[in-house]
Amino acid sequence: MTVDAHAFWLRAPGEGEIRPVRLAAPGPGEVLVRTRFSGVSRGTETLVFTGRVPADQHDAMRAPFQEGDFPAPVKYGYLSVGTVEAGDEGLLGRTVFCLYPHQSAYVVPADAVTVVPDGVPAERAVLAGTVETAVNALWDAAPLVGDRVTVIGGGMVGCAVTALLARFPGVRVELVDADPARADVAAALGADFAAPADATGERDLVVHASATSDGLQRGLELLRPEGTVLELSWYGDRPVTLALGGAFHSRRLGIRSSQVGTVSPRRADRSYADRLALALDLLADPAFDALLTGRSRFDDLPDVLDRLASGELPALCHLITYGEE
């Protein structure tokens, strides 16, 4: 038995296309997944689409089921939700999440998929990879009850972190973004909102996710003495410039990186599978629907990514639909 499918490929930087794929039947320990939805992670995927992954990060940036190499041709993506149609009997008919590129069907090892809990809609489940990043960030940051926290950058990752922080006991979180339209998203997530110039100071923790030098600089300015900026941004090949004289030293400020490729050493007792399962459980909260800001058909994905990369199409997570959904 073979299955015909289609996959999105980046043919060259800025040029995407849909290609046919012929899939073999799943073997022992494998499953065939028919895709229902995938999500475009705007920040990372537009860097890939425009060919801006630095050469020294080509290996680190590989997605689990990526084909090809940066800058192109490459098949990339990692937010896929579908239904198991064949293979492992215990998974047949189940809705699952997989870190797979944009493709209408695929065969993967059964342990590469995670069952979506019954209380989580399939559309919302595409956010699992992003919420997993937020979970790891907060394991790294380890906020305390009553902390004053600011998140700078209202993209997918920043909003996912904001959503989780808004549910911490005693934490009042403020989302900071240059786009005033993000105020509605912040309200939906249960957080305050401010423009960069109006942001509240003397913060215990700032989580930075704007991927701009100005955003990172503003984060340092908002900290109390001995406060920390947790850096989540991925800058690609862009340099970052900071003013680290004066207050940076006198106030003993800190900058710490967090990256989802490694489980936080603060939670060495948890595995990658544990972290992803937790992210899916957290997505039972309907507040996360505020991160789904548009949808398009799979056949239109080349144009969608071009418009996302140019800024013509504003989005947090843009949902890609397959079949009749």
C-alpha atoms as a PDB file:
ATOM      1  CA  MET A   1       0.000   0.000   0.000  1.00  0.00           C
ATOM      2  CA  THR A   2       1.204   3.484  -0.841  1.00  0.00           C
ATOM      3  CA  VAL A   3      -0.368   6.837  -0.031  1.00  0.00           C
ATOM      4  CA  ASP A   4      -0.206   9.980  -2.138  1.00  0.00           C
ATOM      5  CA  ALA A   5       0.463  13.197  -0.208  1.00  0.00           C
ATOM      6  CA  HIS A   6       1.747  16.719  -0.776  1.00  0.00           C
ATOM      7  CA  ALA A   7       4.419  18.714   1.069  1.00  0.00           C
ATOM      8  CA  PHE A   8       5.488  22.347   1.215  1.00  0.00           C
ATOM      9  CA  TRP A   9       9.111  22.930   0.187  1.00  0.00           C
ATOM     10  CA  LEU A  10      11.222  26.059   0.129  1.00  0.00           C
ATOM     11  CA  ARG A  11      12.704  25.794  -3.362  1.00  0.00           C
ATOM     12  CA  ALA A  12      14.957  28.836  -2.890  1.00  0.00           C
ATOM     13  CA  PRO A  13      14.923  31.708  -0.385  1.00  0.00           C
ATOM     14  CA  GLY A  14      11.595  33.490  -0.839  1.00  0.00           C
ATOM     15  CA  GLU A  15      10.226  30.826  -3.224  1.00  0.00           C
ATOM     16  CA  GLY A  16       7.935  28.097  -1.878  1.00  0.00           C
ATOM     17  CA  GLU A  17       6.107  25.327  -3.702  1.00  0.00           C
ATOM     18  CA  ILE A  18       3.851  22.308  -3.090  1.00  0.00           C
ATOM     19  CA  ARG A  19       5.405  18.984  -4.138  1.00  0.00           C
ATOM     20  CA  PRO A  20       3.848  15.506  -4.438  1.00  0.00           C
ATOM     21  CA  VAL A  21       5.034  12.789  -2.030  1.00  0.00           C
ATOM     22  CA  ARG A  22       4.541   9.027  -2.212  1.00  0.00           C
ATOM     23  CA  LEU A  23       4.357   7.398   1.235  1.00  0.00           C
ATOM     24  CA  ALA A  24       4.988   3.736   1.987  1.00  0.00           C
ATOM     25  CA  ALA A  25       2.701   1.873   4.376  1.00  0.00           C
ATOM     26  CA  PRO A  26       3.665   2.248   8.025  1.00  0.00           C
ATOM     27  CA  GLY A  27       5.907  -0.528   9.306  1.00  0.00           C
ATOM     28  CA  PRO A  28       6.137  -2.010  12.802  1.00  0.00           C
ATOM     29  CA  GLY A  29       6.133   0.755  15.411  1.00  0.00           C
ATOM     30  CA  GLU A  30       5.030   3.415  12.902  1.00  0.00           C
ATOM     31  CA  VAL A  31       1.836   5.357  12.205  1.00  0.00           C
ATOM     32  CA  LEU A  32       0.301   7.053   9.191  1.00  0.00           C
ATOM     33  CA  VAL A  33      -1.036  10.494  10.121  1.00  0.00           C
ATOM     34  CA  ARG A  34      -3.520  12.375   7.928  1.00  0.00           C
ATOM     35  CA  THR A  35      -2.985  16.080   8.630  1.00  0.00           C
ATOM     36  CA  ARG A  36      -5.912  18.234   9.716  1.00  0.00           C
ATOM     37  CA  PHE A  37      -4.089  21.442  10.682  1.00  0.00           C
ATOM     38  CA  SER A  38      -0.591  22.856  10.832  1.00  0.00           C
ATOM     39  CA  GLY A  39       0.594  26.153  12.244  1.00  0.00           C
ATOM     40  CA  VAL A  40       3.062  28.656  10.833  1.00  0.00           C
ATOM     41  CA  SER A  41       5.475  29.777  13.529  1.00  0.00           C
ATOM     42  CA  ARG A  42       5.895  33.236  12.061  1.00  0.00           C
ATOM     43  CA  GLY A  43       9.210  34.320  13.595  1.00  0.00           C
ATOM     44  CA  THR A  44      11.259  31.195  12.908  1.00  0.00           C
ATOM     45  CA  GLU A  45       9.590  30.158   9.666  1.00  0.00           C
ATOM     46  CA  THR A  46       9.907  33.559   8.024  1.00  0.00           C
ATOM     47  CA  LEU A  47      13.632  33.536   8.852  1.00  0.00           C
ATOM     48  CA  VAL A  48      13.834  30.144   7.136  1.00  0.00           C
ATOM     49  CA  PHE A  49      11.668  31.335   4.229  1.00  0.00           C
ATOM     50  CA  THR A  50      13.911  34.337   3.569  1.00  0.00           C
ATOM     51  CA  GLY A  51      17.124  32.286   3.856  1.00  0.00           C
ATOM     52  CA  ARG A  52      18.370  34.067   6.980  1.00  0.00           C
ATOM     53  CA  VAL A  53      19.424  31.112   9.136  1.00  0.00           C
ATOM     54  CA  PRO A  54      23.113  31.743   9.993  1.00  0.00           C
ATOM     55  CA  ALA A  55      25.488  29.138   8.595  1.00  0.00           C
ATOM     56  CA  ASP A  56      26.826  28.284  12.048  1.00  0.00           C
ATOM     57  CA  GLN A  57      23.265  27.515  13.209  1.00  0.00           C
ATOM     58  CA  HIS A  58      22.221  25.192  10.389  1.00  0.00           C
ATOM     59  CA  ASP A  59      22.532  22.096  12.566  1.00  0.00           C
ATOM     60  CA  ALA A  60      20.976  23.652  15.665  1.00  0.00           C
ATOM     61  CA  MET A  61      17.986  24.908  13.663  1.00  0.00           C
ATOM     62  CA  ARG A  62      17.094  21.576  12.068  1.00  0.00           C
ATOM     63  CA  ALA A  63      13.513  20.532  12.750  1.00  0.00           C
ATOM     64  CA  PRO A  64      12.954  16.890  13.829  1.00  0.00           C
ATOM     65  CA  PHE A  65      11.617  15.708  10.436  1.00  0.00           C
ATOM     66  CA  GLN A  66      13.221  18.310   8.209  1.00  0.00           C
ATOM     67  CA  GLU A  67      14.336  17.241   4.748  1.00  0.00           C
ATOM     68  CA  GLY A  68      16.978  19.116   2.779  1.00  0.00           C
ATOM     69  CA  ASP A  69      19.395  21.685   4.146  1.00  0.00           C
ATOM     70  CA  PHE A  70      19.448  25.425   4.781  1.00  0.00           C
ATOM     71  CA  PRO A  71      19.147  27.752   3.067  1.00  0.00           C
ATOM     72  CA  ALA A  72      17.288  25.664   0.424  1.00  0.00           C
ATOM     73  CA  PRO A  73      15.814  23.467  -0.872  1.00  0.00           C
ATOM     74  CA  VAL A  74      14.350  22.476   2.475  1.00  0.00           C
ATOM     75  CA  LYS A  75      11.114  21.081   3.920  1.00  0.00           C
ATOM     76  CA  TYR A  76      10.603  22.790   7.262  1.00  0.00           C
ATOM     77  CA  GLY A  77       7.969  23.185   9.981  1.00  0.00           C
ATOM     78  CA  TYR A  78       7.058  21.650  13.333  1.00  0.00           C
ATOM     79  CA  LEU A  79       3.440  22.340  14.302  1.00  0.00           C
ATOM     80  CA  SER A  80       1.229  19.573  12.879  1.00  0.00           C
ATOM     81  CA  VAL A  81      -1.999  18.001  14.112  1.00  0.00           C
ATOM     82  CA  GLY A  82      -3.722  15.097  12.417  1.00  0.00           C
ATOM     83  CA  THR A  83      -5.550  11.797  12.752  1.00  0.00           C
ATOM     84  CA  VAL A  84      -3.827   8.407  12.872  1.00  0.00           C
ATOM     85  CA  GLU A  85      -5.179   6.357   9.952  1.00  0.00           C
ATOM     86  CA  ALA A  86      -2.946   3.267  10.038  1.00  0.00           C
ATOM     87  CA  GLY A  87      -0.253   1.607  12.092  1.00  0.00           C
ATOM     88  CA  ASP A  88      -0.163   1.233  15.883  1.00  0.00           C
ATOM     89  CA  GLU A  89      -3.627  -0.094  16.836  1.00  0.00           C
ATOM     90  CA  GLY A  90      -3.622   1.775  20.123  1.00  0.00           C
ATOM     91  CA  LEU A  91      -3.446   5.082  18.243  1.00  0.00           C
ATOM     92  CA  LEU A  92      -5.896   4.412  15.395  1.00  0.00           C
ATOM     93  CA  GLY A  93      -8.401   7.230  15.078  1.00  0.00           C
ATOM     94  CA  ARG A  94      -6.683   9.379  17.691  1.00  0.00           C
ATOM     95  CA  THR A  95      -5.920  13.057  17.150  1.00  0.00           C
ATOM     96  CA  VAL A  96      -2.185  13.599  17.595  1.00  0.00           C
ATOM     97  CA  PHE A  97       0.403  16.369  17.574  1.00  0.00           C
ATOM     98  CA  CYS A  98       3.726  15.903  15.802  1.00  0.00           C
ATOM     99  CA  LEU A  99       6.766  18.117  15.194  1.00  0.00           C
ATOM    100  CA  TYR A 100       6.393  17.581  11.446  1.00  0.00           C
ATOM    101  CA  PRO A 101       6.659  20.012   8.493  1.00  0.00           C
ATOM    102  CA  HIS A 102       3.657  21.182   6.464  1.00  0.00           C
ATOM    103  CA  GLN A 103       2.517  18.015   4.659  1.00  0.00           C
ATOM    104  CA  SER A 104      -0.905  16.514   3.987  1.00  0.00           C
ATOM    105  CA  ALA A 105       0.010  13.065   5.362  1.00  0.00           C
ATOM    106  CA  TYR A 106       3.134  11.437   6.761  1.00  0.00           C
ATOM    107  CA  VAL A 107       4.541   8.258   8.297  1.00  0.00           C
ATOM    108  CA  VAL A 108       6.518   8.580  11.542  1.00  0.00           C
ATOM    109  CA  PRO A 109       7.502   6.387  14.493  1.00  0.00           C
ATOM    110  CA  ALA A 110       4.594   5.987  16.900  1.00  0.00           C
ATOM    111  CA  ASP A 111       6.632   7.536  19.698  1.00  0.00           C
ATOM    112  CA  ALA A 112       7.015  10.742  17.628  1.00  0.00           C
ATOM    113  CA  VAL A 113       3.334  11.631  18.079  1.00  0.00           C
ATOM    114  CA  THR A 114       1.587  12.831  21.228  1.00  0.00           C
ATOM    115  CA  VAL A 115      -2.121  12.248  21.739  1.00  0.00           C
ATOM    116  CA  VAL A 116      -4.115  15.469  21.977  1.00  0.00           C
ATOM    117  CA  PRO A 117      -6.257  15.462  25.160  1.00  0.00           C
ATOM    118  CA  ASP A 118     -10.006  15.241  24.596  1.00  0.00           C
ATOM    119  CA  GLY A 119     -10.566  18.744  25.975  1.00  0.00           C
ATOM    120  CA  VAL A 120      -8.212  20.412  23.485  1.00  0.00           C
ATOM    121  CA  PRO A 121      -9.604  21.282  20.007  1.00  0.00           C
ATOM    122  CA  ALA A 122      -7.412  20.135  17.123  1.00  0.00           C
ATOM    123  CA  GLU A 123      -6.999  23.734  15.857  1.00  0.00           C
ATOM    124  CA  ARG A 124      -5.675  24.927  19.222  1.00  0.00           C
ATOM    125  CA  ALA A 125      -3.369  21.912  19.534  1.00  0.00           C
ATOM    126  CA  VAL A 126      -1.077  23.291  16.789  1.00  0.00           C
ATOM    127  CA  LEU A 127       0.168  25.705  19.481  1.00  0.00           C
ATOM    128  CA  ALA A 128       1.710  22.837  21.458  1.00  0.00           C
ATOM    129  CA  GLY A 129       5.233  23.479  20.167  1.00  0.00           C
ATOM    130  CA  THR A 130       4.997  27.163  21.073  1.00  0.00           C
ATOM    131  CA  VAL A 131       3.525  26.520  24.524  1.00  0.00           C
ATOM    132  CA  GLU A 132       6.282  23.949  25.045  1.00  0.00           C
ATOM    133  CA  THR A 133       8.802  26.760  24.442  1.00  0.00           C
ATOM    134  CA  ALA A 134       6.958  28.904  26.992  1.00  0.00           C
ATOM    135  CA  VAL A 135       6.951  26.084  29.546  1.00  0.00           C
ATOM    136  CA  ASN A 136      10.701  25.629  29.152  1.00  0.00           C
ATOM    137  CA  ALA A 137      11.250  29.387  29.468  1.00  0.00           C
ATOM    138  CA  LEU A 138       9.365  29.530  32.745  1.00  0.00           C
ATOM    139  CA  TRP A 139      11.238  26.492  34.030  1.00  0.00           C
ATOM    140  CA  ASP A 140      14.403  28.478  33.279  1.00  0.00           C
ATOM    141  CA  ALA A 141      13.103  31.728  34.776  1.00  0.00           C
ATOM    142  CA  ALA A 142      11.467  30.112  37.825  1.00  0.00           C
ATOM    143  CA  PRO A 143       9.214  33.098  38.703  1.00  0.00           C
ATOM    144  CA  LEU A 144       8.076  33.380  42.315  1.00  0.00           C
ATOM    145  CA  VAL A 145       4.646  34.067  43.774  1.00  0.00           C
ATOM    146  CA  GLY A 146       4.058  37.813  43.655  1.00  0.00           C
ATOM    147  CA  ASP A 147       6.795  38.622  41.129  1.00  0.00           C
ATOM    148  CA  ARG A 148       6.399  41.701  38.915  1.00  0.00           C
ATOM    149  CA  VAL A 149       6.935  40.417  35.371  1.00  0.00           C
ATOM    150  CA  THR A 150       7.007  42.055  31.955  1.00  0.00           C
ATOM    151  CA  VAL A 151       6.942  40.233  28.616  1.00  0.00           C
ATOM    152  CA  ILE A 152       8.337  42.286  25.718  1.00  0.00           C
ATOM    153  CA  GLY A 153       7.190  41.158  22.286  1.00  0.00           C
ATOM    154  CA  GLY A 154       3.620  40.089  21.564  1.00  0.00           C
ATOM    155  CA  GLY A 155       4.388  37.381  19.022  1.00  0.00           C
ATOM    156  CA  MET A 156       3.511  33.702  19.397  1.00  0.00           C
ATOM    157  CA  VAL A 157       6.138  32.912  22.005  1.00  0.00           C
ATOM    158  CA  GLY A 158       5.682  36.138  23.971  1.00  0.00           C
ATOM    159  CA  CYS A 159       1.924  35.663  24.093  1.00  0.00           C
ATOM    160  CA  ALA A 160       2.252  32.009  25.141  1.00  0.00           C
ATOM    161  CA  VAL A 161       4.554  33.045  28.003  1.00  0.00           C
ATOM    162  CA  THR A 162       2.105  35.816  28.939  1.00  0.00           C
ATOM    163  CA  ALA A 163      -0.799  33.359  29.031  1.00  0.00           C
ATOM    164  CA  LEU A 164       1.037  31.076  31.439  1.00  0.00           C
ATOM    165  CA  LEU A 165       2.341  33.879  33.651  1.00  0.00           C
ATOM    166  CA  ALA A 166      -1.154  35.357  33.957  1.00  0.00           C
ATOM    167  CA  ARG A 167      -2.149  32.166  35.770  1.00  0.00           C
ATOM    168  CA  PHE A 168       0.709  32.288  38.332  1.00  0.00           C
ATOM    169  CA  PRO A 169      -0.528  33.148  41.852  1.00  0.00           C
ATOM    170  CA  GLY A 170       0.027  36.785  42.709  1.00  0.00           C
ATOM    171  CA  VAL A 171       1.879  37.607  39.482  1.00  0.00           C
ATOM    172  CA  ARG A 172       0.747  40.709  37.628  1.00  0.00           C
ATOM    173  CA  VAL A 173       2.113  40.412  34.105  1.00  0.00           C
ATOM    174  CA  GLU A 174       2.396  43.239  31.599  1.00  0.00           C
ATOM    175  CA  LEU A 175       2.724  42.572  27.876  1.00  0.00           C
ATOM    176  CA  VAL A 176       4.727  45.259  26.059  1.00  0.00           C
ATOM    177  CA  ASP A 177       4.554  45.678  22.300  1.00  0.00           C
ATOM    178  CA  ALA A 178       4.855  48.513  19.794  1.00  0.00           C
ATOM    179  CA  ASP A 179       1.642  47.377  18.076  1.00  0.00           C
ATOM    180  CA  PRO A 180      -1.387  48.773  19.964  1.00  0.00           C
ATOM    181  CA  ALA A 181      -3.526  45.982  18.492  1.00  0.00           C
ATOM    182  CA  ARG A 182      -1.785  43.585  20.875  1.00  0.00           C
ATOM    183  CA  ALA A 183      -3.730  45.213  23.735  1.00  0.00           C
ATOM    184  CA  ASP A 184      -6.778  43.127  22.807  1.00  0.00           C
ATOM    185  CA  VAL A 185      -4.689  39.949  22.823  1.00  0.00           C
ATOM    186  CA  ALA A 186      -3.224  40.845  26.232  1.00  0.00           C
ATOM    187  CA  ALA A 187      -6.724  41.389  27.624  1.00  0.00           C
ATOM    188  CA  ALA A 188      -7.864  38.017  26.279  1.00  0.00           C
ATOM    189  CA  LEU A 189      -4.906  36.382  28.016  1.00  0.00           C
ATOM    190  CA  GLY A 190      -5.621  38.115  31.323  1.00  0.00           C
ATOM    191  CA  ALA A 191      -2.642  40.489  31.235  1.00  0.00           C
ATOM    192  CA  ASP A 192      -2.039  44.235  31.285  1.00  0.00           C
ATOM    193  CA  PHE A 193      -0.664  45.976  28.192  1.00  0.00           C
ATOM    194  CA  ALA A 194       1.681  48.904  27.577  1.00  0.00           C
ATOM    195  CA  ALA A 195       3.547  50.512  24.726  1.00  0.00           C
ATOM    196  CA  PRO A 196       7.352  50.421  25.196  1.00  0.00           C
ATOM    197  CA  ALA A 197       7.558  54.048  26.340  1.00  0.00           C
ATOM    198  CA  ASP A 198       4.808  53.537  28.925  1.00  0.00           C
ATOM    199  CA  ALA A 199       5.952  50.197  30.361  1.00  0.00           C
ATOM    200  CA  THR A 200       6.092  49.764  34.131  1.00  0.00           C
ATOM    201  CA  GLY A 201       9.546  49.702  35.724  1.00  0.00           C
ATOM    202  CA  GLU A 202      11.197  48.033  38.725  1.00  0.00           C
ATOM    203  CA  ARG A 203      10.360  44.550  37.447  1.00  0.00           C
ATOM    204  CA  ASP A 204      11.676  41.359  39.022  1.00  0.00           C
ATOM    205  CA  LEU A 205      11.778  39.576  35.687  1.00  0.00           C
ATOM    206  CA  VAL A 206      11.532  40.599  32.033  1.00  0.00           C
ATOM    207  CA  VAL A 207      10.977  37.967  29.359  1.00  0.00           C
ATOM    208  CA  HIS A 208      12.172  39.299  26.016  1.00  0.00           C
ATOM    209  CA  ALA A 209      10.709  37.919  22.782  1.00  0.00           C
ATOM    210  CA  SER A 210      10.627  40.848  20.330  1.00  0.00           C
ATOM    211  CA  ALA A 211      13.807  39.863  18.453  1.00  0.00           C
ATOM    212  CA  THR A 212      14.949  43.513  18.367  1.00  0.00           C
ATOM    213  CA  SER A 213      17.869  45.325  19.972  1.00  0.00           C
ATOM    214  CA  ASP A 214      15.496  48.069  21.122  1.00  0.00           C
ATOM    215  CA  GLY A 215      13.276  45.555  22.858  1.00  0.00           C
ATOM    216  CA  LEU A 216      16.167  43.939  24.695  1.00  0.00           C
ATOM    217  CA  GLN A 217      17.527  47.352  25.727  1.00  0.00           C
ATOM    218  CA  ARG A 218      14.104  48.376  27.024  1.00  0.00           C
ATOM    219  CA  GLY A 219      13.916  45.150  29.004  1.00  0.00           C
ATOM    220  CA  LEU A 220      17.123  46.008  30.845  1.00  0.00           C
ATOM    221  CA  GLU A 221      15.792  49.474  31.597  1.00  0.00           C
ATOM    222  CA  LEU A 222      12.650  48.049  33.222  1.00  0.00           C
ATOM    223  CA  LEU A 223      14.440  45.808  35.736  1.00  0.00           C
ATOM    224  CA  ARG A 224      14.852  46.404  39.443  1.00  0.00           C
ATOM    225  CA  PRO A 225      18.396  46.086  40.817  1.00  0.00           C
ATOM    226  CA  GLU A 226      19.703  42.525  40.304  1.00  0.00           C
ATOM    227  CA  GLY A 227      16.751  41.703  38.062  1.00  0.00           C
ATOM    228  CA  THR A 228      17.076  39.422  35.029  1.00  0.00           C
ATOM    229  CA  VAL A 229      16.049  39.502  31.389  1.00  0.00           C
ATOM    230  CA  LEU A 230      15.277  36.038  30.044  1.00  0.00           C
ATOM    231  CA  GLU A 231      16.063  36.158  26.311  1.00  0.00           C
ATOM    232  CA  LEU A 232      13.822  34.034  24.081  1.00  0.00           C
ATOM    233  CA  SER A 233      14.335  35.862  20.778  1.00  0.00           C
ATOM    234  CA  TRP A 234      15.848  34.240  17.739  1.00  0.00           C
ATOM    235  CA  TYR A 235      17.694  36.893  15.721  1.00  0.00           C
ATOM    236  CA  GLY A 236      18.888  34.813  12.779  1.00  0.00           C
ATOM    237  CA  ASP A 237      21.794  36.603  11.123  1.00  0.00           C
ATOM    238  CA  ARG A 238      21.004  40.052  12.570  1.00  0.00           C
ATOM    239  CA  PRO A 239      23.522  41.658  14.978  1.00  0.00           C
ATOM    240  CA  VAL A 240      22.335  42.902  18.372  1.00  0.00           C
ATOM    241  CA  THR A 241      23.567  46.199  19.808  1.00  0.00           C
ATOM    242  CA  LEU A 242      23.186  47.103  23.508  1.00  0.00           C
ATOM    243  CA  ALA A 243      24.339  49.909  25.787  1.00  0.00           C
ATOM    244  CA  LEU A 244      25.845  48.014  28.706  1.00  0.00           C
ATOM    245  CA  GLY A 245      27.486  50.891  30.534  1.00  0.00           C
ATOM    246  CA  GLY A 246      26.107  52.626  33.609  1.00  0.00           C
ATOM    247  CA  ALA A 247      23.006  50.965  35.031  1.00  0.00           C
ATOM    248  CA  PHE A 248      23.778  47.515  33.645  1.00  0.00           C
ATOM    249  CA  HIS A 249      26.715  47.224  36.042  1.00  0.00           C
ATOM    250  CA  SER A 250      25.647  49.504  38.883  1.00  0.00           C
ATOM    251  CA  ARG A 251      22.257  47.741  39.179  1.00  0.00           C
ATOM    252  CA  ARG A 252      23.874  44.288  38.678  1.00  0.00           C
ATOM    253  CA  LEU A 253      21.456  43.316  35.912  1.00  0.00           C
ATOM    254  CA  GLY A 254      21.477  39.960  34.171  1.00  0.00           C
ATOM    255  CA  ILE A 255      20.651  38.508  30.743  1.00  0.00           C
ATOM    256  CA  ARG A 256      20.002  34.785  30.480  1.00  0.00           C
ATOM    257  CA  SER A 257      19.161  32.786  27.379  1.00  0.00           C
ATOM    258  CA  SER A 258      16.516  30.080  27.083  1.00  0.00           C
ATOM    259  CA  GLN A 259      16.122  27.684  24.174  1.00  0.00           C
ATOM    260  CA  VAL A 260      13.623  24.877  23.718  1.00  0.00           C
ATOM    261  CA  GLY A 261      16.198  22.525  22.149  1.00  0.00           C
ATOM    262  CA  THR A 262      17.278  21.480  25.658  1.00  0.00           C
ATOM    263  CA  VAL A 263      15.012  20.724  28.613  1.00  0.00           C
ATOM    264  CA  SER A 264      15.702  23.320  31.309  1.00  0.00           C
ATOM    265  CA  PRO A 265      18.380  22.060  33.719  1.00  0.00           C
ATOM    266  CA  ARG A 266      16.086  23.246  36.519  1.00  0.00           C
ATOM    267  CA  ARG A 267      13.773  20.373  35.529  1.00  0.00           C
ATOM    268  CA  ALA A 268      16.269  17.628  34.884  1.00  0.00           C
ATOM    269  CA  ASP A 269      13.624  15.171  36.123  1.00  0.00           C
ATOM    270  CA  ARG A 270      11.443  15.854  33.067  1.00  0.00           C
ATOM    271  CA  SER A 271      11.849  14.536  29.530  1.00  0.00           C
ATOM    272  CA  TYR A 272      11.034  16.156  26.182  1.00  0.00           C
ATOM    273  CA  ALA A 273       7.901  13.977  26.064  1.00  0.00           C
ATOM    274  CA  ASP A 274       6.865  15.151  29.550  1.00  0.00           C
ATOM    275  CA  ARG A 275       7.270  18.780  28.516  1.00  0.00           C
ATOM    276  CA  LEU A 276       5.208  18.399  25.335  1.00  0.00           C
ATOM    277  CA  ALA A 277       2.459  16.474  27.141  1.00  0.00           C
ATOM    278  CA  LEU A 278       2.280  19.269  29.727  1.00  0.00           C
ATOM    279  CA  ALA A 279       2.008  21.882  26.963  1.00  0.00           C
ATOM    280  CA  LEU A 280      -0.935  20.008  25.434  1.00  0.00           C
ATOM    281  CA  ASP A 281      -2.655  19.741  28.816  1.00  0.00           C
ATOM    282  CA  LEU A 282      -2.271  23.499  29.325  1.00  0.00           C
ATOM    283  CA  LEU A 283      -3.965  24.110  25.968  1.00  0.00           C
ATOM    284  CA  ALA A 284      -7.287  23.085  27.477  1.00  0.00           C
ATOM    285  CA  ASP A 285      -7.517  26.786  28.397  1.00  0.00           C
ATOM    286  CA  PRO A 286      -9.571  28.563  25.671  1.00  0.00           C
ATOM    287  CA  ALA A 287      -7.612  31.785  26.290  1.00  0.00           C
ATOM    288  CA  PHE A 288      -4.995  30.401  23.902  1.00  0.00           C
ATOM    289  CA  ASP A 289      -7.435  30.821  21.003  1.00  0.00           C
ATOM    290  CA  ALA A 290      -6.346  34.486  20.980  1.00  0.00           C
ATOM    291  CA  LEU A 291      -3.055  33.307  19.407  1.00  0.00           C
ATOM    292  CA  LEU A 292      -4.837  31.862  16.336  1.00  0.00           C
ATOM    293  CA  THR A 293      -5.233  34.927  14.150  1.00  0.00           C
ATOM    294  CA  GLY A 294      -6.026  33.621  10.678  1.00  0.00           C
ATOM    295  CA  ARG A 295      -6.364  30.537   8.507  1.00  0.00           C
ATOM    296  CA  SER A 296      -5.560  29.551   4.931  1.00  0.00           C
ATOM    297  CA  ARG A 297      -5.731  26.433   2.797  1.00  0.00           C
ATOM    298  CA  PHE A 298      -2.619  24.310   2.445  1.00  0.00           C
ATOM    299  CA  ASP A 299      -2.472  24.980  -1.310  1.00  0.00           C
ATOM    300  CA  ASP A 300      -2.065  28.685  -0.540  1.00  0.00           C
ATOM    301  CA  LEU A 301       0.885  28.219   1.856  1.00  0.00           C
ATOM    302  CA  PRO A 302       3.592  29.481  -0.564  1.00  0.00           C
ATOM    303  CA  ASP A 303       1.743  32.787  -0.900  1.00  0.00           C
ATOM    304  CA  VAL A 304       0.931  32.903   2.826  1.00  0.00           C
ATOM    305  CA  LEU A 305       4.589  32.599   3.824  1.00  0.00           C
ATOM    306  CA  ASP A 306       5.587  35.254   1.299  1.00  0.00           C
ATOM    307  CA  ARG A 307       2.996  37.641   2.751  1.00  0.00           C
ATOM    308  CA  LEU A 308       4.002  36.822   6.344  1.00  0.00           C
ATOM    309  CA  ALA A 309       7.670  37.430   5.549  1.00  0.00           C
ATOM    310  CA  SER A 310       6.927  40.789   3.898  1.00  0.00           C
ATOM    311  CA  GLY A 311       4.693  41.926   6.763  1.00  0.00           C
ATOM    312  CA  GLU A 312       1.681  42.250   4.456  1.00  0.00           C
ATOM    313  CA  LEU A 313      -0.133  39.564   6.462  1.00  0.00           C
ATOM    314  CA  PRO A 314      -0.053  40.302  10.213  1.00  0.00           C
ATOM    315  CA  ALA A 315      -0.418  37.208  12.363  1.00  0.00           C
ATOM    316  CA  LEU A 316       0.487  35.432  15.545  1.00  0.00           C
ATOM    317  CA  CYS A 317      -0.100  31.801  14.614  1.00  0.00           C
ATOM    318  CA  HIS A 318      -1.524  31.417  11.123  1.00  0.00           C
ATOM    319  CA  LEU A 319      -3.494  28.185  10.828  1.00  0.00           C
ATOM    320  CA  ILE A 320      -3.124  26.020   7.722  1.00  0.00           C
ATOM    321  CA  THR A 321      -6.104  23.785   6.943  1.00  0.00           C
ATOM    322  CA  TYR A 322      -6.137  20.492   5.037  1.00  0.00           C
ATOM    323  CA  GLY A 323      -9.089  18.799   3.374  1.00  0.00           C
ATOM    324  CA  GLU A 324     -12.511  20.185   4.175  1.00  0.00           C
ATOM    325  CA  GLU A 325     -11.695  21.880   7.487  1.00  0.00           C
END
